[in-house]
N, C-alpha and C. Protein backbone atom coordinates (compact mmCIF):
# COMPACT_ATOMS: atom_id res chain seq x y z
N MET A 1 33.83 4.83 -9.98
CA MET A 1 33.48 4.76 -8.55
C MET A 1 34.01 3.50 -7.84
N LEU A 2 34.29 3.53 -6.64
CA LEU A 2 34.79 2.31 -6.00
C LEU A 2 33.77 1.71 -5.04
N PRO A 3 33.81 0.52 -4.69
CA PRO A 3 32.70 -0.08 -3.73
C PRO A 3 32.72 0.65 -2.37
N ASP A 4 33.74 1.08 -1.82
CA ASP A 4 33.83 1.71 -0.55
C ASP A 4 33.11 3.07 -0.62
N GLU A 5 33.26 3.71 -1.90
CA GLU A 5 32.58 5.03 -2.08
C GLU A 5 31.01 4.80 -2.12
N VAL A 6 30.51 3.82 -2.69
CA VAL A 6 29.13 3.44 -2.75
C VAL A 6 28.69 3.18 -1.38
N HIS A 7 29.38 2.30 -0.60
CA HIS A 7 29.00 1.93 0.76
C HIS A 7 28.88 3.22 1.54
N GLN A 8 29.84 4.18 1.53
CA GLN A 8 29.80 5.29 2.19
C GLN A 8 28.67 6.33 1.93
N ARG A 9 28.43 6.36 0.64
CA ARG A 9 27.31 7.31 0.21
C ARG A 9 25.87 6.72 0.70
N ILE A 10 25.67 5.35 0.66
CA ILE A 10 24.45 4.81 1.12
C ILE A 10 24.40 5.02 2.68
N THR A 11 25.55 4.65 3.44
CA THR A 11 25.63 4.89 4.90
C THR A 11 25.24 6.37 5.30
N ASP A 12 25.93 7.29 4.53
CA ASP A 12 25.68 8.74 4.90
C ASP A 12 24.23 9.01 4.61
N ARG A 13 23.58 8.60 3.59
CA ARG A 13 22.17 8.91 3.23
C ARG A 13 21.23 8.38 4.34
N ILE A 14 21.52 7.15 4.71
CA ILE A 14 20.59 6.56 5.85
C ILE A 14 20.79 7.28 7.11
N ALA A 15 21.98 7.68 7.53
CA ALA A 15 22.32 8.40 8.76
C ALA A 15 21.60 9.69 8.72
N ALA A 16 21.29 10.28 7.60
CA ALA A 16 20.56 11.61 7.52
C ALA A 16 19.20 11.39 7.71
N LEU A 17 18.49 10.24 7.63
CA LEU A 17 17.10 10.04 7.66
C LEU A 17 16.54 10.27 9.16
N VAL A 18 15.55 11.00 9.34
CA VAL A 18 14.88 11.28 10.61
C VAL A 18 13.85 10.27 10.87
N PRO A 19 13.75 9.38 11.83
CA PRO A 19 12.80 8.34 11.98
C PRO A 19 11.29 8.85 11.76
N THR A 20 10.96 10.00 12.03
CA THR A 20 9.60 10.38 11.99
C THR A 20 9.09 11.21 10.62
N ASP A 21 10.31 11.33 9.78
CA ASP A 21 10.07 12.02 8.53
C ASP A 21 8.83 11.29 7.68
N GLY A 22 7.95 11.99 7.22
CA GLY A 22 6.91 11.53 6.46
C GLY A 22 5.94 10.59 7.23
N TYR A 23 5.98 10.55 8.52
CA TYR A 23 5.03 9.72 9.23
C TYR A 23 4.47 10.63 10.49
N SER A 24 3.46 10.26 11.04
CA SER A 24 2.83 10.91 12.15
C SER A 24 3.95 10.96 13.25
N GLY A 25 3.92 12.06 14.09
CA GLY A 25 4.79 12.29 15.20
C GLY A 25 4.36 11.39 16.34
N ASP A 26 3.20 10.77 16.31
CA ASP A 26 2.71 9.80 17.38
C ASP A 26 3.36 8.56 17.16
N THR A 27 4.09 8.02 18.20
CA THR A 27 4.86 6.86 18.00
C THR A 27 4.05 5.78 17.77
N ALA A 28 2.82 5.72 18.02
CA ALA A 28 1.88 4.53 17.74
C ALA A 28 1.76 4.45 16.24
N ALA A 29 1.77 5.53 15.56
CA ALA A 29 1.48 5.45 14.02
C ALA A 29 2.73 5.40 13.34
N GLY A 30 3.98 5.95 13.93
CA GLY A 30 5.25 6.00 13.27
C GLY A 30 6.10 4.79 13.70
N TYR A 31 7.31 5.03 13.70
CA TYR A 31 8.24 3.89 14.25
C TYR A 31 9.33 4.27 15.16
N ALA A 32 9.40 5.58 15.36
CA ALA A 32 10.24 6.02 16.59
C ALA A 32 9.71 5.56 17.83
N GLN A 33 10.53 5.13 18.83
CA GLN A 33 10.12 4.78 20.02
C GLN A 33 10.39 5.70 21.15
N SER A 34 11.17 6.57 20.88
CA SER A 34 11.55 7.71 21.72
C SER A 34 11.98 8.96 20.90
N PRO A 35 11.99 10.15 21.41
CA PRO A 35 12.32 11.37 20.77
C PRO A 35 13.79 11.34 20.39
N ASN A 36 14.60 10.47 21.06
CA ASN A 36 16.08 10.44 20.75
C ASN A 36 16.38 9.37 19.70
N ASP A 37 15.47 8.67 19.18
CA ASP A 37 15.69 7.75 18.25
C ASP A 37 16.37 8.29 16.93
N ALA A 38 17.38 7.55 16.36
CA ALA A 38 17.89 8.12 15.20
C ALA A 38 18.54 6.87 14.40
N TRP A 39 18.60 6.98 13.17
CA TRP A 39 19.33 5.86 12.36
C TRP A 39 20.87 6.18 12.59
N ARG A 40 21.52 5.18 13.09
CA ARG A 40 23.00 5.30 13.24
C ARG A 40 23.71 4.07 12.88
N GLN A 41 24.88 4.20 12.26
CA GLN A 41 25.71 3.06 11.73
C GLN A 41 26.14 2.20 12.88
N ALA A 42 26.07 0.89 12.78
CA ALA A 42 26.61 0.05 13.77
C ALA A 42 28.11 0.10 13.87
N SER A 43 28.63 -0.02 15.04
CA SER A 43 30.06 -0.02 15.24
C SER A 43 30.90 -1.25 14.71
N GLU A 44 29.99 -2.28 14.37
CA GLU A 44 30.53 -3.60 13.92
C GLU A 44 29.56 -4.16 12.91
N PRO A 45 29.90 -4.83 11.95
CA PRO A 45 28.97 -5.37 10.95
C PRO A 45 27.75 -6.16 11.56
N LEU A 46 26.58 -5.79 11.05
CA LEU A 46 25.50 -6.64 11.45
C LEU A 46 25.21 -7.70 10.36
N VAL A 47 25.85 -8.80 10.56
CA VAL A 47 25.82 -9.83 9.47
C VAL A 47 25.09 -11.03 10.15
N PRO A 48 24.41 -11.94 9.42
CA PRO A 48 23.71 -13.06 9.91
C PRO A 48 24.60 -13.99 10.67
N GLU A 49 25.86 -14.05 10.30
CA GLU A 49 27.03 -15.03 10.79
C GLU A 49 27.36 -14.72 12.27
N SER A 50 27.04 -13.59 12.66
CA SER A 50 27.40 -13.10 14.04
C SER A 50 26.41 -12.31 14.76
N SER A 51 26.42 -12.27 15.95
CA SER A 51 25.50 -11.50 16.64
C SER A 51 26.16 -10.27 17.15
N PRO A 52 25.64 -9.06 17.04
CA PRO A 52 26.16 -7.85 17.57
C PRO A 52 26.31 -7.89 19.01
N SER A 53 27.53 -7.31 19.46
CA SER A 53 27.74 -7.29 20.94
C SER A 53 26.98 -6.02 21.55
N THR A 54 26.60 -5.11 20.70
CA THR A 54 25.76 -4.08 21.21
C THR A 54 24.50 -3.83 20.44
N THR A 55 23.43 -3.55 20.98
CA THR A 55 22.21 -3.43 20.21
C THR A 55 21.64 -2.10 20.45
N ALA A 56 20.94 -1.54 19.46
CA ALA A 56 20.22 -0.18 19.75
C ALA A 56 19.06 -0.25 18.66
N HIS A 57 18.05 0.48 18.98
CA HIS A 57 16.93 0.61 18.00
C HIS A 57 17.34 1.41 16.93
N LEU A 58 17.13 0.96 15.58
CA LEU A 58 17.44 1.62 14.42
C LEU A 58 18.97 1.65 14.01
N VAL A 59 19.77 0.87 14.78
CA VAL A 59 21.20 0.88 14.31
C VAL A 59 21.23 -0.01 13.02
N PHE A 60 22.13 0.44 12.17
CA PHE A 60 22.09 -0.31 10.75
C PHE A 60 23.54 -0.44 10.31
N PHE A 61 23.59 -1.35 9.38
CA PHE A 61 24.86 -1.63 8.61
C PHE A 61 24.56 -2.03 7.18
N VAL A 62 25.39 -1.40 6.29
CA VAL A 62 25.26 -1.57 4.73
C VAL A 62 26.20 -2.70 4.53
N ASP A 63 25.61 -3.93 4.01
CA ASP A 63 26.30 -5.02 3.68
C ASP A 63 26.47 -5.15 2.12
N ASP A 64 27.63 -4.87 1.59
CA ASP A 64 27.76 -4.92 0.15
C ASP A 64 28.87 -5.89 -0.28
N ARG A 65 28.73 -7.04 0.14
CA ARG A 65 29.77 -8.05 -0.23
C ARG A 65 29.69 -8.75 -1.59
N SER A 66 28.58 -8.38 -2.42
CA SER A 66 28.66 -9.16 -3.79
C SER A 66 28.49 -8.06 -4.87
N THR A 67 29.17 -8.27 -5.87
CA THR A 67 29.16 -7.27 -6.97
C THR A 67 29.20 -8.14 -8.28
N GLU A 68 28.37 -7.69 -9.27
CA GLU A 68 28.31 -8.33 -10.61
C GLU A 68 28.62 -7.46 -11.61
N ASN A 69 29.14 -8.01 -12.78
CA ASN A 69 29.45 -7.41 -13.94
C ASN A 69 27.95 -7.36 -14.69
N SER A 70 27.32 -6.10 -14.76
CA SER A 70 26.06 -6.11 -15.17
C SER A 70 25.77 -6.16 -16.67
N ASP A 71 26.74 -5.94 -17.58
CA ASP A 71 26.55 -5.96 -18.98
C ASP A 71 27.39 -7.03 -19.66
N GLY A 72 28.28 -7.66 -18.94
CA GLY A 72 28.96 -8.67 -19.52
C GLY A 72 30.26 -8.12 -20.17
N SER A 73 30.59 -6.90 -20.07
CA SER A 73 31.70 -6.31 -20.81
C SER A 73 32.57 -5.53 -19.84
N THR A 74 33.87 -5.30 -20.36
CA THR A 74 34.88 -4.45 -19.49
C THR A 74 35.39 -3.41 -20.49
N ALA A 75 35.34 -2.28 -20.08
CA ALA A 75 35.98 -1.13 -20.83
C ALA A 75 37.36 -1.03 -20.29
N LEU A 76 38.13 -0.17 -20.91
CA LEU A 76 39.60 -0.08 -20.39
C LEU A 76 39.67 0.49 -19.07
N ASP A 77 38.75 1.23 -18.61
CA ASP A 77 38.84 1.88 -17.30
C ASP A 77 37.71 1.58 -16.37
N GLU A 78 36.67 1.02 -16.81
CA GLU A 78 35.52 0.61 -15.87
C GLU A 78 34.77 -0.53 -16.24
N ILE A 79 34.04 -1.15 -15.34
CA ILE A 79 33.09 -2.06 -15.58
C ILE A 79 31.80 -1.58 -15.09
N LEU A 80 30.67 -1.79 -15.90
CA LEU A 80 29.39 -1.52 -15.46
C LEU A 80 28.90 -2.46 -14.47
N THR A 81 28.62 -2.11 -13.24
CA THR A 81 28.51 -2.88 -12.09
C THR A 81 27.12 -2.87 -11.57
N SER A 82 26.51 -4.10 -11.02
CA SER A 82 25.42 -4.15 -10.31
C SER A 82 25.58 -4.78 -9.00
N SER A 83 25.21 -4.29 -7.98
CA SER A 83 25.49 -4.75 -6.61
C SER A 83 24.10 -4.90 -5.88
N VAL A 84 23.80 -6.07 -5.33
CA VAL A 84 22.63 -6.07 -4.37
C VAL A 84 23.29 -5.83 -3.01
N VAL A 85 22.64 -4.69 -2.50
CA VAL A 85 23.21 -4.26 -1.18
C VAL A 85 22.09 -4.48 -0.11
N THR A 86 22.52 -5.16 0.94
CA THR A 86 21.57 -5.49 2.05
C THR A 86 21.74 -4.50 3.12
N ILE A 87 20.84 -3.70 3.52
CA ILE A 87 20.73 -2.93 4.62
C ILE A 87 20.18 -3.65 5.81
N ARG A 88 20.96 -3.90 6.90
CA ARG A 88 20.33 -4.52 8.00
C ARG A 88 20.26 -3.57 9.12
N PHE A 89 19.13 -3.56 9.82
CA PHE A 89 18.93 -2.84 11.01
C PHE A 89 18.15 -3.55 11.93
N LEU A 90 18.37 -3.13 13.20
CA LEU A 90 17.71 -3.75 14.47
C LEU A 90 16.44 -2.85 14.88
N PHE A 91 15.42 -3.57 15.19
CA PHE A 91 14.25 -2.93 15.61
C PHE A 91 13.73 -3.51 16.98
N GLN A 92 13.77 -2.80 17.90
CA GLN A 92 13.32 -3.27 19.19
C GLN A 92 11.88 -3.65 19.43
N LEU A 93 11.67 -4.89 19.84
CA LEU A 93 10.38 -5.39 20.05
C LEU A 93 10.01 -5.29 21.67
N ARG A 94 9.21 -4.38 22.08
CA ARG A 94 9.02 -4.15 23.50
C ARG A 94 8.01 -5.25 23.94
N PRO A 95 8.22 -5.61 25.19
CA PRO A 95 7.44 -6.77 25.68
C PRO A 95 5.85 -6.48 25.61
N MET A 96 5.41 -5.28 25.96
CA MET A 96 3.95 -5.06 25.92
C MET A 96 3.53 -4.34 24.55
N ALA A 97 4.40 -4.39 23.58
CA ALA A 97 3.93 -3.76 22.23
C ALA A 97 4.49 -4.54 21.11
N GLN A 98 4.61 -5.89 21.18
CA GLN A 98 5.28 -6.62 20.18
C GLN A 98 4.56 -6.58 18.78
N VAL A 99 3.32 -6.69 18.83
CA VAL A 99 2.57 -6.67 17.53
C VAL A 99 2.69 -5.28 16.77
N ARG A 100 2.45 -4.21 17.76
CA ARG A 100 2.69 -2.81 17.29
C ARG A 100 4.05 -2.66 16.66
N ASP A 101 5.08 -3.12 17.53
CA ASP A 101 6.47 -2.90 17.03
C ASP A 101 6.73 -3.75 15.77
N TRP A 102 6.12 -4.90 15.61
CA TRP A 102 6.46 -5.70 14.30
C TRP A 102 5.89 -4.89 13.22
N ARG A 103 4.72 -4.34 13.32
CA ARG A 103 4.08 -3.49 12.32
C ARG A 103 4.88 -2.36 12.02
N ALA A 104 5.41 -1.66 13.02
CA ALA A 104 6.20 -0.42 13.06
C ALA A 104 7.51 -0.67 12.22
N SER A 105 8.10 -1.91 12.46
CA SER A 105 9.30 -2.13 11.72
C SER A 105 9.04 -2.25 10.21
N GLY A 106 7.83 -2.59 9.82
CA GLY A 106 7.57 -2.57 8.31
C GLY A 106 7.44 -1.12 7.88
N ARG A 107 6.87 -0.24 8.67
CA ARG A 107 6.88 1.19 8.38
C ARG A 107 8.21 1.79 8.27
N ALA A 108 9.03 1.39 9.10
CA ALA A 108 10.50 1.86 9.16
C ALA A 108 11.27 1.30 7.86
N ALA A 109 10.97 0.13 7.44
CA ALA A 109 11.65 -0.42 6.20
C ALA A 109 11.04 0.34 4.96
N ALA A 110 9.71 0.55 5.02
CA ALA A 110 9.08 1.34 3.93
C ALA A 110 9.76 2.62 3.78
N HIS A 111 9.83 3.41 4.89
CA HIS A 111 10.27 4.73 4.90
C HIS A 111 11.79 4.85 4.50
N LEU A 112 12.54 3.75 5.01
CA LEU A 112 13.97 3.74 4.51
C LEU A 112 14.07 3.51 3.07
N LEU A 113 13.27 2.54 2.53
CA LEU A 113 13.25 2.32 1.05
C LEU A 113 12.87 3.53 0.23
N ALA A 114 11.92 4.20 0.76
CA ALA A 114 11.42 5.37 -0.14
C ALA A 114 12.47 6.44 -0.04
N TRP A 115 13.13 6.52 1.16
CA TRP A 115 14.33 7.56 1.29
C TRP A 115 15.50 7.20 0.25
N LEU A 116 15.77 5.96 0.19
CA LEU A 116 16.86 5.51 -0.78
C LEU A 116 16.46 5.53 -2.31
N LEU A 117 15.20 5.43 -2.53
CA LEU A 117 14.82 5.61 -4.00
C LEU A 117 14.51 6.85 -4.39
N VAL A 118 14.36 7.86 -3.61
CA VAL A 118 14.04 9.19 -4.05
C VAL A 118 15.29 9.86 -4.74
N ASP A 119 15.06 10.73 -5.69
CA ASP A 119 16.08 11.35 -6.46
C ASP A 119 16.95 12.10 -5.44
N GLY A 120 18.16 12.40 -5.97
CA GLY A 120 19.15 13.12 -5.10
C GLY A 120 20.52 12.45 -5.11
N TRP A 121 20.58 11.30 -5.76
CA TRP A 121 21.77 10.57 -5.97
C TRP A 121 22.74 11.24 -7.03
N SER A 122 23.83 11.06 -7.16
CA SER A 122 24.69 11.51 -8.24
C SER A 122 24.29 10.79 -9.53
N GLN A 123 24.65 11.21 -10.71
CA GLN A 123 24.40 10.47 -11.92
C GLN A 123 25.32 9.30 -12.05
N GLU A 124 26.24 9.09 -11.24
CA GLU A 124 27.17 7.97 -11.35
C GLU A 124 26.51 6.69 -10.68
N PHE A 125 25.34 6.96 -10.22
CA PHE A 125 24.85 5.96 -9.29
C PHE A 125 23.29 5.77 -9.51
N ASN A 126 22.77 4.53 -9.47
CA ASN A 126 21.25 4.41 -9.52
C ASN A 126 20.92 3.27 -8.61
N VAL A 127 19.72 3.51 -7.89
CA VAL A 127 19.33 2.65 -6.83
C VAL A 127 17.88 2.16 -7.27
N MET A 128 17.73 0.76 -7.20
CA MET A 128 16.43 0.33 -7.57
C MET A 128 16.07 -0.86 -6.49
N VAL A 129 14.86 -1.21 -6.70
CA VAL A 129 14.35 -2.39 -5.87
C VAL A 129 14.72 -3.78 -6.63
N PRO A 130 15.28 -4.71 -6.13
CA PRO A 130 15.58 -5.90 -6.95
C PRO A 130 14.44 -6.84 -7.01
N GLU A 131 14.41 -7.65 -8.04
CA GLU A 131 13.34 -8.60 -8.16
C GLU A 131 13.23 -9.52 -7.03
N GLY A 132 12.16 -10.08 -6.62
CA GLY A 132 12.00 -11.13 -5.65
C GLY A 132 12.02 -10.41 -4.23
N GLN A 133 12.34 -11.16 -3.18
CA GLN A 133 12.29 -10.74 -1.86
C GLN A 133 13.11 -9.58 -1.56
N PHE A 134 12.59 -8.45 -1.09
CA PHE A 134 13.42 -7.28 -0.73
C PHE A 134 13.45 -6.89 0.75
N LEU A 135 12.54 -7.58 1.60
CA LEU A 135 12.42 -7.34 2.98
C LEU A 135 12.38 -8.63 3.69
N LEU A 136 13.18 -8.85 4.72
CA LEU A 136 13.07 -10.02 5.55
C LEU A 136 13.16 -9.48 7.01
N ARG A 137 12.36 -10.07 8.00
CA ARG A 137 12.41 -9.64 9.21
C ARG A 137 12.34 -11.01 10.05
N THR A 138 13.52 -11.07 10.90
CA THR A 138 13.91 -12.20 11.76
C THR A 138 13.97 -11.89 13.27
N PRO A 139 13.17 -12.41 14.14
CA PRO A 139 13.28 -12.24 15.50
C PRO A 139 14.74 -12.70 16.02
N VAL A 140 15.38 -11.97 16.81
CA VAL A 140 16.64 -12.39 17.39
C VAL A 140 16.73 -11.91 18.86
N GLY A 141 17.76 -12.37 19.51
CA GLY A 141 17.93 -11.96 20.82
C GLY A 141 16.81 -12.39 21.79
N GLY A 142 16.41 -13.55 21.62
CA GLY A 142 15.31 -14.06 22.52
C GLY A 142 14.00 -13.43 22.12
N GLY A 143 13.82 -12.95 20.92
CA GLY A 143 12.59 -12.27 20.62
C GLY A 143 12.46 -10.86 21.09
N GLU A 144 13.60 -10.21 21.61
CA GLU A 144 13.58 -8.71 22.03
C GLU A 144 13.83 -7.93 20.81
N TRP A 145 14.28 -8.41 19.70
CA TRP A 145 14.68 -7.47 18.60
C TRP A 145 14.20 -8.26 17.30
N LEU A 146 14.04 -7.37 16.33
CA LEU A 146 13.80 -7.87 14.94
C LEU A 146 15.11 -7.52 14.17
N ALA A 147 15.80 -8.47 13.51
CA ALA A 147 16.71 -8.09 12.55
C ALA A 147 16.09 -7.98 11.17
N CYS A 148 16.09 -6.82 10.61
CA CYS A 148 15.45 -6.43 9.41
C CYS A 148 16.44 -6.33 8.26
N GLU A 149 16.14 -6.98 7.26
CA GLU A 149 17.13 -6.87 6.17
C GLU A 149 16.34 -6.26 4.89
N LEU A 150 16.80 -5.08 4.37
CA LEU A 150 16.20 -4.46 3.24
C LEU A 150 17.21 -4.59 2.13
N ARG A 151 16.77 -5.14 0.87
CA ARG A 151 17.66 -5.28 -0.19
C ARG A 151 17.38 -4.18 -1.28
N ILE A 152 18.43 -3.55 -1.80
CA ILE A 152 18.39 -2.70 -2.91
C ILE A 152 19.47 -3.20 -4.06
N ARG A 153 19.22 -2.75 -5.18
CA ARG A 153 20.18 -3.01 -6.23
C ARG A 153 20.74 -1.63 -6.68
N VAL A 154 22.04 -1.59 -6.60
CA VAL A 154 22.97 -0.31 -7.00
C VAL A 154 23.63 -0.51 -8.26
N HIS A 155 23.52 0.24 -9.26
CA HIS A 155 24.13 0.07 -10.52
C HIS A 155 25.06 1.35 -10.54
N TYR A 156 26.37 1.10 -10.92
CA TYR A 156 27.38 2.17 -11.17
C TYR A 156 28.59 1.61 -11.91
N ALA A 157 29.45 2.48 -12.36
CA ALA A 157 30.64 2.10 -13.13
C ALA A 157 31.76 1.88 -12.06
N LEU A 158 32.30 0.85 -12.12
CA LEU A 158 33.38 0.31 -11.02
C LEU A 158 34.72 0.73 -11.80
N SER A 159 35.40 1.64 -11.19
CA SER A 159 36.59 2.31 -11.69
C SER A 159 37.64 1.14 -11.71
N LEU A 160 38.47 0.92 -12.69
CA LEU A 160 39.59 0.07 -12.82
C LEU A 160 40.87 0.82 -12.76
N TYR A 161 40.91 2.07 -12.77
CA TYR A 161 41.97 2.89 -12.78
C TYR A 161 42.83 2.66 -11.50
N VAL A 162 44.05 2.23 -11.64
CA VAL A 162 45.00 2.11 -10.61
C VAL A 162 46.09 3.06 -10.76
N PRO A 163 46.22 4.12 -9.68
CA PRO A 163 47.28 5.06 -9.95
C PRO A 163 48.69 4.38 -9.80
N ALA A 164 49.66 4.93 -10.53
CA ALA A 164 50.91 4.30 -10.65
C ALA A 164 51.80 4.74 -9.35
């Protein structure tokens, strides 16, 4: 498997998540703020080093910039690989509902994490929660948004095969 394939599988899985799945349809109890809310990939990377030019509730980006050799060995055609993948998403903080929206962002992160940990991945791929901090929420955009970072650890065999 190649890193871009892992990135795409995670992205596709998140985009298939419906914001109210597993939660009350009442927006006060769930985390959707309108019936049109959906998890959708950002058109540009959401990374801490830059501010996104466009913002949207539940827009996300899969940041997979670090990869480790997880068992210290290299086979002829693959390396057992472990990557900490950070899923960043924006959550709107509405002026009259900031405390409720802050709490709802935690529900969104919990729902997303449960969706990523549930079975259904291929056998080539294993998703786990890393040790230590796995969720970080930071107010951005003058306090109008929360930038949420959810970390997962992905284990897979990195293919070293290069076609001739």
